[in-house]
Amino acid sequence: MAVRGPAPGAGARPRLDLRFLQRFLQIQKVLFPSCSSQNALMFLTLLGVALLEQLVIYQVGLIPSQYYGVLGNKDLDGFKTLTFLAVVLIVLNAMLKSFDQFTCNLLYVSWRKDLTEHLHRLYFRGRVYYTLNVLRDDVDNPDQRISQDVERFCRQLSSMASQLIISPFTLGYYTYQCFQRFKHMQIRVNAEPAAFFSRYQHV
């Protein structure tokens, strides 16, 4: 009869290392089996919604500064038009946020289904279920691990998905905007030397 015992490395704390990266990439292959898969299409839809949501948020941020000009000029028609635009943008933003959450929830359900089915296929391949339940002490109740750990992983990943995919685009856009404001500030600070240099060049 085989002696039960812990596997090598049992009890080791999880670490953010190469093994973690390899396992994470293997999971991504399960979640996104192909570029035309349902999960990939939903993820691209989420990307488009998140980008549109950021564009609307940016436009909403410009509304208060426009109110200064309208109120300063006592333009009633302009005030009504700007208020209507603000309401439309706020409603659109709310709808996009709701659709964002809806898509994330759909991704969560689909990811959980695919990953659970994949793990069950591995679990019942050969005598893996017997090995984990009888011969190994380092995995307690593997059935519960498959159900609960997959559920937590997929829920956390789906809740982070929109923030993760939009962050590089947001960072790049606002970095570019800050660079352009910086250039205008340089021109204002160095206006006099630039004017003298331009005049010297034409002499």
C-alpha atoms as a PDB file:
ATOM      1  CA  MET A   1       0.000   0.000   0.000  1.00  0.00           C
ATOM      2  CA  ALA A   2       1.358   3.392  -0.897  1.00  0.00           C
ATOM      3  CA  VAL A   3       2.311   5.705   1.929  1.00  0.00           C
ATOM      4  CA  ARG A   4       0.592   9.049   1.974  1.00  0.00           C
ATOM      5  CA  GLY A   5       2.839  12.063   2.120  1.00  0.00           C
ATOM      6  CA  PRO A   6       3.131  15.656   1.128  1.00  0.00           C
ATOM      7  CA  ALA A   7       4.313  16.625  -2.291  1.00  0.00           C
ATOM      8  CA  PRO A   8       7.634  18.427  -2.751  1.00  0.00           C
ATOM      9  CA  GLY A   9       7.307  22.063  -1.864  1.00  0.00           C
ATOM     10  CA  ALA A  10       4.120  21.543   0.124  1.00  0.00           C
ATOM     11  CA  GLY A  11       3.430  24.307   2.582  1.00  0.00           C
ATOM     12  CA  ALA A  12       5.442  26.868   0.618  1.00  0.00           C
ATOM     13  CA  ARG A  13       3.898  30.313   0.476  1.00  0.00           C
ATOM     14  CA  PRO A  14       2.746  31.593  -2.932  1.00  0.00           C
ATOM     15  CA  ARG A  15       5.254  33.882  -4.606  1.00  0.00           C
ATOM     16  CA  LEU A  16       5.222  36.191  -7.601  1.00  0.00           C
ATOM     17  CA  ASP A  17       7.887  34.373  -9.593  1.00  0.00           C
ATOM     18  CA  LEU A  18       8.422  32.654 -12.931  1.00  0.00           C
ATOM     19  CA  ARG A  19       6.301  29.662 -11.934  1.00  0.00           C
ATOM     20  CA  PHE A  20       3.384  31.970 -11.131  1.00  0.00           C
ATOM     21  CA  LEU A  21       3.745  33.662 -14.522  1.00  0.00           C
ATOM     22  CA  GLN A  22       3.847  30.310 -16.332  1.00  0.00           C
ATOM     23  CA  ARG A  23       0.729  29.073 -14.563  1.00  0.00           C
ATOM     24  CA  PHE A  24      -1.087  32.336 -15.179  1.00  0.00           C
ATOM     25  CA  LEU A  25      -0.300  32.135 -18.902  1.00  0.00           C
ATOM     26  CA  GLN A  26      -1.519  28.525 -18.984  1.00  0.00           C
ATOM     27  CA  ILE A  27      -4.806  29.654 -17.450  1.00  0.00           C
ATOM     28  CA  GLN A  28      -5.103  32.408 -20.079  1.00  0.00           C
ATOM     29  CA  LYS A  29      -4.837  29.756 -22.799  1.00  0.00           C
ATOM     30  CA  VAL A  30      -7.850  28.049 -21.242  1.00  0.00           C
ATOM     31  CA  LEU A  31      -9.816  31.286 -20.881  1.00  0.00           C
ATOM     32  CA  PHE A  32      -8.923  32.489 -24.403  1.00  0.00           C
ATOM     33  CA  PRO A  33      -8.531  29.371 -26.578  1.00  0.00           C
ATOM     34  CA  SER A  34      -8.558  31.390 -29.822  1.00  0.00           C
ATOM     35  CA  CYS A  35      -8.851  34.948 -31.087  1.00  0.00           C
ATOM     36  CA  SER A  36     -12.371  34.272 -32.374  1.00  0.00           C
ATOM     37  CA  SER A  37     -13.641  32.575 -29.218  1.00  0.00           C
ATOM     38  CA  GLN A  38     -16.635  33.926 -27.322  1.00  0.00           C
ATOM     39  CA  ASN A  39     -14.442  35.027 -24.409  1.00  0.00           C
ATOM     40  CA  ALA A  40     -12.073  36.921 -26.711  1.00  0.00           C
ATOM     41  CA  LEU A  41     -14.973  38.719 -28.413  1.00  0.00           C
ATOM     42  CA  MET A  42     -16.486  39.686 -25.051  1.00  0.00           C
ATOM     43  CA  PHE A  43     -13.093  40.924 -23.908  1.00  0.00           C
ATOM     44  CA  LEU A  44     -12.740  43.094 -27.021  1.00  0.00           C
ATOM     45  CA  THR A  45     -16.258  44.406 -26.433  1.00  0.00           C
ATOM     46  CA  LEU A  46     -15.254  45.274 -22.875  1.00  0.00           C
ATOM     47  CA  LEU A  47     -12.195  47.091 -24.201  1.00  0.00           C
ATOM     48  CA  GLY A  48     -14.315  49.178 -26.573  1.00  0.00           C
ATOM     49  CA  VAL A  49     -16.849  50.011 -23.862  1.00  0.00           C
ATOM     50  CA  ALA A  50     -14.099  50.964 -21.413  1.00  0.00           C
ATOM     51  CA  LEU A  51     -12.425  53.265 -23.961  1.00  0.00           C
ATOM     52  CA  LEU A  52     -15.738  54.916 -24.820  1.00  0.00           C
ATOM     53  CA  GLU A  53     -16.461  55.322 -21.118  1.00  0.00           C
ATOM     54  CA  GLN A  54     -13.149  57.114 -20.577  1.00  0.00           C
ATOM     55  CA  LEU A  55     -13.879  59.413 -23.519  1.00  0.00           C
ATOM     56  CA  VAL A  56     -17.264  60.327 -22.052  1.00  0.00           C
ATOM     57  CA  ILE A  57     -15.703  60.926 -18.620  1.00  0.00           C
ATOM     58  CA  TYR A  58     -13.167  63.244 -20.228  1.00  0.00           C
ATOM     59  CA  GLN A  59     -15.945  65.194 -21.949  1.00  0.00           C
ATOM     60  CA  VAL A  60     -17.889  65.462 -18.679  1.00  0.00           C
ATOM     61  CA  GLY A  61     -14.785  66.907 -17.066  1.00  0.00           C
ATOM     62  CA  LEU A  62     -14.754  69.716 -19.635  1.00  0.00           C
ATOM     63  CA  ILE A  63     -18.337  70.796 -18.891  1.00  0.00           C
ATOM     64  CA  PRO A  64     -17.664  72.893 -15.728  1.00  0.00           C
ATOM     65  CA  SER A  65     -15.119  75.115 -17.491  1.00  0.00           C
ATOM     66  CA  GLN A  66     -17.625  75.743 -20.299  1.00  0.00           C
ATOM     67  CA  TYR A  67     -20.226  76.863 -17.747  1.00  0.00           C
ATOM     68  CA  TYR A  68     -17.943  79.743 -16.711  1.00  0.00           C
ATOM     69  CA  GLY A  69     -18.058  81.179 -20.212  1.00  0.00           C
ATOM     70  CA  VAL A  70     -21.818  80.684 -20.606  1.00  0.00           C
ATOM     71  CA  LEU A  71     -22.668  82.175 -17.217  1.00  0.00           C
ATOM     72  CA  GLY A  72     -20.190  85.015 -17.680  1.00  0.00           C
ATOM     73  CA  ASN A  73     -21.819  86.002 -20.970  1.00  0.00           C
ATOM     74  CA  LYS A  74     -25.353  85.495 -19.559  1.00  0.00           C
ATOM     75  CA  ASP A  75     -26.135  83.303 -22.554  1.00  0.00           C
ATOM     76  CA  LEU A  76     -29.451  81.584 -21.747  1.00  0.00           C
ATOM     77  CA  ASP A  77     -29.566  79.525 -24.957  1.00  0.00           C
ATOM     78  CA  GLY A  78     -25.983  78.438 -24.459  1.00  0.00           C
ATOM     79  CA  PHE A  79     -26.786  77.502 -20.873  1.00  0.00           C
ATOM     80  CA  LYS A  80     -29.714  75.327 -21.972  1.00  0.00           C
ATOM     81  CA  THR A  81     -27.654  73.656 -24.693  1.00  0.00           C
ATOM     82  CA  LEU A  82     -24.752  72.986 -22.330  1.00  0.00           C
ATOM     83  CA  THR A  83     -27.073  71.629 -19.635  1.00  0.00           C
ATOM     84  CA  PHE A  84     -28.715  69.290 -22.152  1.00  0.00           C
ATOM     85  CA  LEU A  85     -25.291  68.101 -23.294  1.00  0.00           C
ATOM     86  CA  ALA A  86     -24.209  67.532 -19.689  1.00  0.00           C
ATOM     87  CA  VAL A  87     -27.337  65.466 -18.938  1.00  0.00           C
ATOM     88  CA  VAL A  88     -26.842  63.381 -22.091  1.00  0.00           C
ATOM     89  CA  LEU A  89     -23.189  62.711 -21.208  1.00  0.00           C
ATOM     90  CA  ILE A  90     -24.030  61.766 -17.617  1.00  0.00           C
ATOM     91  CA  VAL A  91     -26.784  59.363 -18.728  1.00  0.00           C
ATOM     92  CA  LEU A  92     -24.472  57.888 -21.364  1.00  0.00           C
ATOM     93  CA  ASN A  93     -21.750  57.455 -18.758  1.00  0.00           C
ATOM     94  CA  ALA A  94     -24.168  55.616 -16.450  1.00  0.00           C
ATOM     95  CA  MET A  95     -25.280  53.340 -19.287  1.00  0.00           C
ATOM     96  CA  LEU A  96     -21.678  52.544 -20.241  1.00  0.00           C
ATOM     97  CA  LYS A  97     -20.794  51.741 -16.635  1.00  0.00           C
ATOM     98  CA  SER A  98     -23.780  49.400 -16.414  1.00  0.00           C
ATOM     99  CA  PHE A  99     -22.833  47.694 -19.683  1.00  0.00           C
ATOM    100  CA  ASP A 100     -19.252  47.446 -18.428  1.00  0.00           C
ATOM    101  CA  GLN A 101     -20.416  45.616 -15.292  1.00  0.00           C
ATOM    102  CA  PHE A 102     -22.759  43.411 -17.308  1.00  0.00           C
ATOM    103  CA  THR A 103     -19.953  42.363 -19.661  1.00  0.00           C
ATOM    104  CA  CYS A 104     -17.641  41.678 -16.711  1.00  0.00           C
ATOM    105  CA  ASN A 105     -20.289  39.436 -15.154  1.00  0.00           C
ATOM    106  CA  LEU A 106     -20.742  37.564 -18.432  1.00  0.00           C
ATOM    107  CA  LEU A 107     -16.986  37.071 -18.624  1.00  0.00           C
ATOM    108  CA  TYR A 108     -16.960  35.786 -15.053  1.00  0.00           C
ATOM    109  CA  VAL A 109     -19.623  33.152 -15.792  1.00  0.00           C
ATOM    110  CA  SER A 110     -17.957  32.064 -19.040  1.00  0.00           C
ATOM    111  CA  TRP A 111     -14.455  31.959 -17.528  1.00  0.00           C
ATOM    112  CA  ARG A 112     -15.658  29.971 -14.527  1.00  0.00           C
ATOM    113  CA  LYS A 113     -17.425  27.446 -16.761  1.00  0.00           C
ATOM    114  CA  ASP A 114     -14.417  26.951 -19.066  1.00  0.00           C
ATOM    115  CA  LEU A 115     -11.848  26.718 -16.279  1.00  0.00           C
ATOM    116  CA  THR A 116     -13.955  24.367 -14.158  1.00  0.00           C
ATOM    117  CA  GLU A 117     -14.555  22.041 -17.102  1.00  0.00           C
ATOM    118  CA  HIS A 118     -10.839  22.077 -17.941  1.00  0.00           C
ATOM    119  CA  LEU A 119      -9.857  21.212 -14.366  1.00  0.00           C
ATOM    120  CA  HIS A 120     -12.461  18.444 -14.215  1.00  0.00           C
ATOM    121  CA  ARG A 121     -11.043  16.894 -17.372  1.00  0.00           C
ATOM    122  CA  LEU A 122      -7.596  16.889 -15.750  1.00  0.00           C
ATOM    123  CA  TYR A 123      -9.040  15.646 -12.455  1.00  0.00           C
ATOM    124  CA  PHE A 124     -10.639  12.572 -13.999  1.00  0.00           C
ATOM    125  CA  ARG A 125      -7.771  11.787 -16.378  1.00  0.00           C
ATOM    126  CA  GLY A 126      -6.018   8.584 -15.411  1.00  0.00           C
ATOM    127  CA  ARG A 127      -6.086   8.165 -11.626  1.00  0.00           C
ATOM    128  CA  VAL A 128      -5.533  11.777 -10.663  1.00  0.00           C
ATOM    129  CA  TYR A 129      -8.681  11.862  -8.498  1.00  0.00           C
ATOM    130  CA  TYR A 130      -7.434   8.797  -6.600  1.00  0.00           C
ATOM    131  CA  THR A 131      -3.954  10.252  -6.171  1.00  0.00           C
ATOM    132  CA  LEU A 132      -5.237  13.550  -4.806  1.00  0.00           C
ATOM    133  CA  ASN A 133      -7.844  12.049  -2.486  1.00  0.00           C
ATOM    134  CA  VAL A 134      -5.904   9.029  -1.145  1.00  0.00           C
ATOM    135  CA  LEU A 135      -2.172   9.339  -1.719  1.00  0.00           C
ATOM    136  CA  ARG A 136      -1.603  13.041  -1.130  1.00  0.00           C
ATOM    137  CA  ASP A 137      -1.943  15.030   2.088  1.00  0.00           C
ATOM    138  CA  ASP A 138      -1.072  18.479   0.749  1.00  0.00           C
ATOM    139  CA  VAL A 139      -4.388  18.983  -1.095  1.00  0.00           C
ATOM    140  CA  ASP A 140      -7.389  18.925   1.207  1.00  0.00           C
ATOM    141  CA  ASN A 141     -10.761  18.316  -0.425  1.00  0.00           C
ATOM    142  CA  PRO A 142      -9.791  18.888  -4.090  1.00  0.00           C
ATOM    143  CA  ASP A 143     -13.435  19.017  -5.229  1.00  0.00           C
ATOM    144  CA  GLN A 144     -14.003  22.024  -3.000  1.00  0.00           C
ATOM    145  CA  ARG A 145     -10.757  23.598  -4.203  1.00  0.00           C
ATOM    146  CA  ILE A 146     -11.864  23.271  -7.829  1.00  0.00           C
ATOM    147  CA  SER A 147     -15.206  24.908  -7.133  1.00  0.00           C
ATOM    148  CA  GLN A 148     -14.237  27.624  -4.635  1.00  0.00           C
ATOM    149  CA  ASP A 149     -10.782  28.614  -5.881  1.00  0.00           C
ATOM    150  CA  VAL A 150     -11.929  28.831  -9.486  1.00  0.00           C
ATOM    151  CA  GLU A 151     -14.935  30.912  -8.426  1.00  0.00           C
ATOM    152  CA  ARG A 152     -12.769  33.360  -6.464  1.00  0.00           C
ATOM    153  CA  PHE A 153     -10.124  33.581  -9.165  1.00  0.00           C
ATOM    154  CA  CYS A 154     -12.606  34.232 -11.981  1.00  0.00           C
ATOM    155  CA  ARG A 155     -14.609  36.745  -9.940  1.00  0.00           C
ATOM    156  CA  GLN A 156     -11.482  38.704  -8.997  1.00  0.00           C
ATOM    157  CA  LEU A 157     -10.131  38.600 -12.537  1.00  0.00           C
ATOM    158  CA  SER A 158     -13.421  39.771 -14.030  1.00  0.00           C
ATOM    159  CA  SER A 159     -13.683  42.644 -11.540  1.00  0.00           C
ATOM    160  CA  MET A 160     -10.157  43.772 -12.468  1.00  0.00           C
ATOM    161  CA  ALA A 161     -10.517  43.254 -16.224  1.00  0.00           C
ATOM    162  CA  SER A 162     -11.847  46.673 -17.226  1.00  0.00           C
ATOM    163  CA  GLN A 163      -9.315  48.527 -15.050  1.00  0.00           C
ATOM    164  CA  LEU A 164      -6.420  46.432 -16.337  1.00  0.00           C
ATOM    165  CA  ILE A 165      -7.197  46.865 -20.019  1.00  0.00           C
ATOM    166  CA  ILE A 166      -7.962  50.584 -19.828  1.00  0.00           C
ATOM    167  CA  SER A 167      -5.001  51.616 -17.665  1.00  0.00           C
ATOM    168  CA  PRO A 168      -2.325  51.570 -20.435  1.00  0.00           C
ATOM    169  CA  PHE A 169      -4.523  53.635 -22.776  1.00  0.00           C
ATOM    170  CA  THR A 170      -5.438  56.120 -20.054  1.00  0.00           C
ATOM    171  CA  LEU A 171      -1.836  56.445 -18.935  1.00  0.00           C
ATOM    172  CA  GLY A 172      -0.601  56.982 -22.485  1.00  0.00           C
ATOM    173  CA  TYR A 173      -3.285  59.546 -23.344  1.00  0.00           C
ATOM    174  CA  TYR A 174      -2.835  61.681 -20.239  1.00  0.00           C
ATOM    175  CA  THR A 175       0.954  61.447 -20.525  1.00  0.00           C
ATOM    176  CA  TYR A 176       0.659  62.886 -24.027  1.00  0.00           C
ATOM    177  CA  GLN A 177      -1.701  65.624 -22.789  1.00  0.00           C
ATOM    178  CA  CYS A 178       0.667  66.561 -19.964  1.00  0.00           C
ATOM    179  CA  PHE A 179       3.536  66.720 -22.449  1.00  0.00           C
ATOM    180  CA  GLN A 180       1.536  69.155 -24.674  1.00  0.00           C
ATOM    181  CA  ARG A 181       0.681  71.406 -21.690  1.00  0.00           C
ATOM    182  CA  PHE A 182       4.332  71.296 -20.690  1.00  0.00           C
ATOM    183  CA  LYS A 183       5.316  72.506 -24.164  1.00  0.00           C
ATOM    184  CA  HIS A 184       2.913  75.445 -23.939  1.00  0.00           C
ATOM    185  CA  MET A 185       4.349  76.363 -20.548  1.00  0.00           C
ATOM    186  CA  GLN A 186       7.869  76.307 -21.968  1.00  0.00           C
ATOM    187  CA  ILE A 187       6.808  78.689 -24.736  1.00  0.00           C
ATOM    188  CA  ARG A 188       5.213  81.057 -22.212  1.00  0.00           C
ATOM    189  CA  VAL A 189       8.220  81.015 -19.882  1.00  0.00           C
ATOM    190  CA  ASN A 190      10.730  81.436 -22.710  1.00  0.00           C
ATOM    191  CA  ALA A 191       8.622  83.823 -24.807  1.00  0.00           C
ATOM    192  CA  GLU A 192      11.136  86.663 -24.706  1.00  0.00           C
ATOM    193  CA  PRO A 193      14.265  84.635 -25.634  1.00  0.00           C
ATOM    194  CA  ALA A 194      12.279  82.881 -28.379  1.00  0.00           C
ATOM    195  CA  ALA A 195      11.122  86.205 -29.818  1.00  0.00           C
ATOM    196  CA  PHE A 196      14.652  87.629 -29.800  1.00  0.00           C
ATOM    197  CA  PHE A 197      16.040  84.446 -31.345  1.00  0.00           C
ATOM    198  CA  SER A 198      13.371  84.495 -34.094  1.00  0.00           C
ATOM    199  CA  ARG A 199      14.126  88.154 -34.801  1.00  0.00           C
ATOM    200  CA  TYR A 200      17.863  87.475 -34.904  1.00  0.00           C
ATOM    201  CA  GLN A 201      17.300  84.633 -37.375  1.00  0.00           C
ATOM    202  CA  HIS A 202      15.460  86.958 -39.793  1.00  0.00           C
ATOM    203  CA  VAL A 203      18.096  89.678 -39.659  1.00  0.00           C
END
